[in-house]
């Protein structure tokens, strides 16, 4: 079935980002030694997620982040000409992300924070044990990315895509 989505009301008006509840469970974090592109520090180990937690249904969008910028007088990040609104916010550092979570906490009365690496991987995997939640390979039906030529030269970045444009994981 579909995962229920909720939004907490903001004290300043409007609603916070779309959130989903991720149930508790366990998974193998990391990747197998024979997985292509595996980094040396991706040792597989079992992780137990003991409690449900809320996680953004999508990456934070420019539209959601701008509410924070307007309310706090923060600088609006550059979109590099790729677009705003429902596209993922870019040019935001870790301190900006923490400040955004603190602002959401004050606005909603609920504790917002960045997910741990284990929480993020657990939610992203959605029960899959393959490199991607949809299998072992990826193509342009699942994500926008830059392909590397045989001579290892990279194409220019192609920009972001509005959230929700690609199939969701379980």
C-alpha atoms as a PDB file:
ATOM      1  CA  UNK A   1       0.000   0.000   0.000  1.00  0.00           C
ATOM      2  CA  UNK A   2       0.874   3.651  -0.157  1.00  0.00           C
ATOM      3  CA  UNK A   3       2.784   5.185   2.719  1.00  0.00           C
ATOM      4  CA  UNK A   4       0.765   7.952   4.424  1.00  0.00           C
ATOM      5  CA  UNK A   5       2.190  11.448   3.964  1.00  0.00           C
ATOM      6  CA  UNK A   6       1.784  14.226   6.521  1.00  0.00           C
ATOM      7  CA  UNK A   7       2.758  17.890   6.850  1.00  0.00           C
ATOM      8  CA  UNK A   8       3.069  19.731  10.145  1.00  0.00           C
ATOM      9  CA  UNK A   9       1.532  23.227  10.237  1.00  0.00           C
ATOM     10  CA  UNK A  10       4.009  26.098  10.613  1.00  0.00           C
ATOM     11  CA  UNK A  11       3.384  28.785  13.246  1.00  0.00           C
ATOM     12  CA  UNK A  12       4.135  31.439  10.636  1.00  0.00           C
ATOM     13  CA  UNK A  13       1.514  30.026   8.263  1.00  0.00           C
ATOM     14  CA  UNK A  14       1.659  27.312   5.664  1.00  0.00           C
ATOM     15  CA  UNK A  15       2.882  23.766   6.108  1.00  0.00           C
ATOM     16  CA  UNK A  16       6.201  22.070   6.615  1.00  0.00           C
ATOM     17  CA  UNK A  17       7.701  19.598   4.146  1.00  0.00           C
ATOM     18  CA  UNK A  18       5.881  16.395   3.187  1.00  0.00           C
ATOM     19  CA  UNK A  19       6.954  13.663   5.624  1.00  0.00           C
ATOM     20  CA  UNK A  20       6.509   9.889   5.844  1.00  0.00           C
ATOM     21  CA  UNK A  21       6.851   7.559   8.835  1.00  0.00           C
ATOM     22  CA  UNK A  22       9.556   4.935   8.369  1.00  0.00           C
ATOM     23  CA  UNK A  23       8.793   1.815  10.466  1.00  0.00           C
ATOM     24  CA  UNK A  24      11.365   0.118  12.703  1.00  0.00           C
ATOM     25  CA  UNK A  25      13.286  -2.867  11.352  1.00  0.00           C
ATOM     26  CA  UNK A  26      16.737  -4.132  10.537  1.00  0.00           C
ATOM     27  CA  UNK A  27      18.878  -4.238   7.435  1.00  0.00           C
ATOM     28  CA  UNK A  28      22.362  -4.892   6.127  1.00  0.00           C
ATOM     29  CA  UNK A  29      24.109  -1.538   5.862  1.00  0.00           C
ATOM     30  CA  UNK A  30      26.969  -1.179   3.400  1.00  0.00           C
ATOM     31  CA  UNK A  31      27.588  -3.157   0.255  1.00  0.00           C
ATOM     32  CA  UNK A  32      28.978  -6.575  -0.660  1.00  0.00           C
ATOM     33  CA  UNK A  33      32.653  -6.705  -1.618  1.00  0.00           C
ATOM     34  CA  UNK A  34      31.831  -7.600  -5.236  1.00  0.00           C
ATOM     35  CA  UNK A  35      29.465  -4.657  -5.854  1.00  0.00           C
ATOM     36  CA  UNK A  36      30.721  -2.377  -8.676  1.00  0.00           C
ATOM     37  CA  UNK A  37      31.734   1.074  -7.439  1.00  0.00           C
ATOM     38  CA  UNK A  38      31.999  -0.066  -3.812  1.00  0.00           C
ATOM     39  CA  UNK A  39      34.230   2.020  -1.533  1.00  0.00           C
ATOM     40  CA  UNK A  40      36.573   0.302   0.936  1.00  0.00           C
ATOM     41  CA  UNK A  41      34.681   1.712   3.944  1.00  0.00           C
ATOM     42  CA  UNK A  42      31.321   0.174   2.940  1.00  0.00           C
ATOM     43  CA  UNK A  43      31.695  -2.991   5.044  1.00  0.00           C
ATOM     44  CA  UNK A  44      28.360  -4.792   5.412  1.00  0.00           C
ATOM     45  CA  UNK A  45      26.947  -4.998   8.910  1.00  0.00           C
ATOM     46  CA  UNK A  46      23.515  -5.549  10.430  1.00  0.00           C
ATOM     47  CA  UNK A  47      21.782  -2.438  11.781  1.00  0.00           C
ATOM     48  CA  UNK A  48      18.665  -2.383  13.944  1.00  0.00           C
ATOM     49  CA  UNK A  49      16.336   0.616  13.695  1.00  0.00           C
ATOM     50  CA  UNK A  50      14.462   0.342  17.005  1.00  0.00           C
ATOM     51  CA  UNK A  51      11.892   3.114  16.629  1.00  0.00           C
ATOM     52  CA  UNK A  52       9.821   4.580  13.782  1.00  0.00           C
ATOM     53  CA  UNK A  53      10.987   7.980  12.558  1.00  0.00           C
ATOM     54  CA  UNK A  54       9.740  10.683  10.236  1.00  0.00           C
ATOM     55  CA  UNK A  55      11.661  11.439   7.055  1.00  0.00           C
ATOM     56  CA  UNK A  56      11.045  13.888   4.245  1.00  0.00           C
ATOM     57  CA  UNK A  57       9.117  12.256   1.423  1.00  0.00           C
ATOM     58  CA  UNK A  58      11.415  14.138  -0.958  1.00  0.00           C
ATOM     59  CA  UNK A  59      14.662  16.054  -0.718  1.00  0.00           C
ATOM     60  CA  UNK A  60      14.025  19.547   0.655  1.00  0.00           C
ATOM     61  CA  UNK A  61      12.732  21.700  -2.190  1.00  0.00           C
ATOM     62  CA  UNK A  62      13.536  25.319  -2.959  1.00  0.00           C
ATOM     63  CA  UNK A  63       9.881  26.142  -2.153  1.00  0.00           C
ATOM     64  CA  UNK A  64      10.137  24.632   1.354  1.00  0.00           C
ATOM     65  CA  UNK A  65      13.577  26.123   1.998  1.00  0.00           C
ATOM     66  CA  UNK A  66      12.503  29.592   0.861  1.00  0.00           C
ATOM     67  CA  UNK A  67       9.895  29.709   3.643  1.00  0.00           C
ATOM     68  CA  UNK A  68      12.800  29.319   6.066  1.00  0.00           C
ATOM     69  CA  UNK A  69      14.901  31.926   4.238  1.00  0.00           C
ATOM     70  CA  UNK A  70      12.100  34.487   4.270  1.00  0.00           C
ATOM     71  CA  UNK A  71      11.260  33.909   7.932  1.00  0.00           C
ATOM     72  CA  UNK A  72      14.879  33.979   9.105  1.00  0.00           C
ATOM     73  CA  UNK A  73      16.347  36.569   6.735  1.00  0.00           C
ATOM     74  CA  UNK A  74      18.803  33.990   5.402  1.00  0.00           C
ATOM     75  CA  UNK A  75      20.426  34.219   2.001  1.00  0.00           C
ATOM     76  CA  UNK A  76      18.518  32.419  -0.782  1.00  0.00           C
ATOM     77  CA  UNK A  77      20.787  29.797  -2.357  1.00  0.00           C
ATOM     78  CA  UNK A  78      21.643  29.992  -6.065  1.00  0.00           C
ATOM     79  CA  UNK A  79      19.826  27.486  -8.279  1.00  0.00           C
ATOM     80  CA  UNK A  80      22.621  27.562 -10.933  1.00  0.00           C
ATOM     81  CA  UNK A  81      19.906  28.305 -13.497  1.00  0.00           C
ATOM     82  CA  UNK A  82      18.412  24.807 -13.098  1.00  0.00           C
ATOM     83  CA  UNK A  83      15.091  25.930 -11.592  1.00  0.00           C
ATOM     84  CA  UNK A  84      13.490  26.334  -8.191  1.00  0.00           C
ATOM     85  CA  UNK A  85      10.008  25.566  -6.763  1.00  0.00           C
ATOM     86  CA  UNK A  86       9.736  21.730  -6.590  1.00  0.00           C
ATOM     87  CA  UNK A  87      13.374  21.097  -7.405  1.00  0.00           C
ATOM     88  CA  UNK A  88      15.763  19.997  -4.627  1.00  0.00           C
ATOM     89  CA  UNK A  89      17.458  22.937  -2.953  1.00  0.00           C
ATOM     90  CA  UNK A  90      21.183  23.110  -3.804  1.00  0.00           C
ATOM     91  CA  UNK A  91      24.120  25.193  -2.563  1.00  0.00           C
ATOM     92  CA  UNK A  92      23.136  24.580   1.064  1.00  0.00           C
ATOM     93  CA  UNK A  93      25.803  23.397   3.513  1.00  0.00           C
ATOM     94  CA  UNK A  94      25.484  21.258   6.629  1.00  0.00           C
ATOM     95  CA  UNK A  95      25.120  24.277   8.944  1.00  0.00           C
ATOM     96  CA  UNK A  96      22.279  25.616   6.747  1.00  0.00           C
ATOM     97  CA  UNK A  97      20.571  22.208   6.885  1.00  0.00           C
ATOM     98  CA  UNK A  98      20.851  22.069  10.698  1.00  0.00           C
ATOM     99  CA  UNK A  99      19.489  25.634  10.980  1.00  0.00           C
ATOM    100  CA  UNK A 100      16.560  24.660   8.723  1.00  0.00           C
ATOM    101  CA  UNK A 101      15.776  21.687  10.997  1.00  0.00           C
ATOM    102  CA  UNK A 102      15.959  23.917  14.087  1.00  0.00           C
ATOM    103  CA  UNK A 103      13.582  26.414  12.432  1.00  0.00           C
ATOM    104  CA  UNK A 104      11.130  23.618  11.560  1.00  0.00           C
ATOM    105  CA  UNK A 105      11.295  22.427  15.181  1.00  0.00           C
ATOM    106  CA  UNK A 106      10.462  25.899  16.483  1.00  0.00           C
ATOM    107  CA  UNK A 107       7.701  26.403  13.896  1.00  0.00           C
ATOM    108  CA  UNK A 108       5.974  23.059  14.450  1.00  0.00           C
ATOM    109  CA  UNK A 109       6.678  22.182  18.080  1.00  0.00           C
ATOM    110  CA  UNK A 110       8.073  18.816  16.946  1.00  0.00           C
ATOM    111  CA  UNK A 111      11.754  17.816  16.853  1.00  0.00           C
ATOM    112  CA  UNK A 112      13.201  17.954  13.332  1.00  0.00           C
ATOM    113  CA  UNK A 113      16.780  16.807  12.694  1.00  0.00           C
ATOM    114  CA  UNK A 114      18.925  15.377   9.946  1.00  0.00           C
ATOM    115  CA  UNK A 115      18.705  11.578   9.669  1.00  0.00           C
ATOM    116  CA  UNK A 116      21.657   9.454  10.688  1.00  0.00           C
ATOM    117  CA  UNK A 117      23.530   7.702   7.895  1.00  0.00           C
ATOM    118  CA  UNK A 118      21.933   4.403   8.992  1.00  0.00           C
ATOM    119  CA  UNK A 119      18.405   5.884   9.010  1.00  0.00           C
ATOM    120  CA  UNK A 120      18.910   7.396   5.561  1.00  0.00           C
ATOM    121  CA  UNK A 121      20.264   4.159   4.049  1.00  0.00           C
ATOM    122  CA  UNK A 122      17.518   2.076   5.697  1.00  0.00           C
ATOM    123  CA  UNK A 123      14.816   4.326   4.241  1.00  0.00           C
ATOM    124  CA  UNK A 124      16.495   4.587   0.823  1.00  0.00           C
ATOM    125  CA  UNK A 125      16.984   0.818   0.520  1.00  0.00           C
ATOM    126  CA  UNK A 126      13.333   0.147   1.444  1.00  0.00           C
ATOM    127  CA  UNK A 127      14.087  -3.528   2.102  1.00  0.00           C
ATOM    128  CA  UNK A 128      16.242  -4.048  -0.995  1.00  0.00           C
ATOM    129  CA  UNK A 129      19.637  -5.751  -0.749  1.00  0.00           C
ATOM    130  CA  UNK A 130      20.798  -4.645  -4.204  1.00  0.00           C
ATOM    131  CA  UNK A 131      22.868  -1.553  -5.034  1.00  0.00           C
ATOM    132  CA  UNK A 132      19.670   0.398  -5.749  1.00  0.00           C
ATOM    133  CA  UNK A 133      16.170  -0.096  -4.344  1.00  0.00           C
ATOM    134  CA  UNK A 134      15.028  -1.144  -7.843  1.00  0.00           C
ATOM    135  CA  UNK A 135      17.894  -3.532  -8.659  1.00  0.00           C
ATOM    136  CA  UNK A 136      21.576  -3.726  -9.512  1.00  0.00           C
ATOM    137  CA  UNK A 137      21.726  -1.176 -12.339  1.00  0.00           C
ATOM    138  CA  UNK A 138      20.503   2.339 -12.903  1.00  0.00           C
ATOM    139  CA  UNK A 139      19.391   4.193 -16.000  1.00  0.00           C
ATOM    140  CA  UNK A 140      17.702   7.461 -16.870  1.00  0.00           C
ATOM    141  CA  UNK A 141      14.243   6.095 -15.968  1.00  0.00           C
ATOM    142  CA  UNK A 142      15.234   6.103 -12.277  1.00  0.00           C
ATOM    143  CA  UNK A 143      17.479   9.156 -11.873  1.00  0.00           C
ATOM    144  CA  UNK A 144      19.236  11.996 -13.623  1.00  0.00           C
ATOM    145  CA  UNK A 145      22.985  11.597 -13.585  1.00  0.00           C
ATOM    146  CA  UNK A 146      26.127  12.283 -15.582  1.00  0.00           C
ATOM    147  CA  UNK A 147      27.543   9.398 -17.558  1.00  0.00           C
ATOM    148  CA  UNK A 148      31.312   9.007 -17.800  1.00  0.00           C
ATOM    149  CA  UNK A 149      32.796   8.313 -21.244  1.00  0.00           C
ATOM    150  CA  UNK A 150      35.349   5.548 -21.854  1.00  0.00           C
ATOM    151  CA  UNK A 151      38.152   8.146 -21.677  1.00  0.00           C
ATOM    152  CA  UNK A 152      36.765   9.220 -18.247  1.00  0.00           C
ATOM    153  CA  UNK A 153      35.771  12.674 -19.459  1.00  0.00           C
ATOM    154  CA  UNK A 154      32.543  13.927 -17.923  1.00  0.00           C
ATOM    155  CA  UNK A 155      29.703  15.725 -19.613  1.00  0.00           C
ATOM    156  CA  UNK A 156      28.577  19.054 -18.197  1.00  0.00           C
ATOM    157  CA  UNK A 157      26.066  18.832 -15.352  1.00  0.00           C
ATOM    158  CA  UNK A 158      22.524  18.613 -16.681  1.00  0.00           C
ATOM    159  CA  UNK A 159      20.709  20.081 -13.684  1.00  0.00           C
ATOM    160  CA  UNK A 160      18.163  18.823 -11.214  1.00  0.00           C
ATOM    161  CA  UNK A 161      14.695  17.371 -11.705  1.00  0.00           C
ATOM    162  CA  UNK A 162      11.544  18.295  -9.789  1.00  0.00           C
ATOM    163  CA  UNK A 163      10.948  15.972  -6.829  1.00  0.00           C
ATOM    164  CA  UNK A 164       8.523  13.132  -7.503  1.00  0.00           C
ATOM    165  CA  UNK A 165       9.494  12.794 -11.184  1.00  0.00           C
ATOM    166  CA  UNK A 166      11.028   9.333 -10.744  1.00  0.00           C
ATOM    167  CA  UNK A 167       9.421   6.184  -9.279  1.00  0.00           C
ATOM    168  CA  UNK A 168       9.472   6.034  -5.478  1.00  0.00           C
ATOM    169  CA  UNK A 169      10.930   3.180  -3.461  1.00  0.00           C
ATOM    170  CA  UNK A 170       8.710   0.979  -1.305  1.00  0.00           C
END
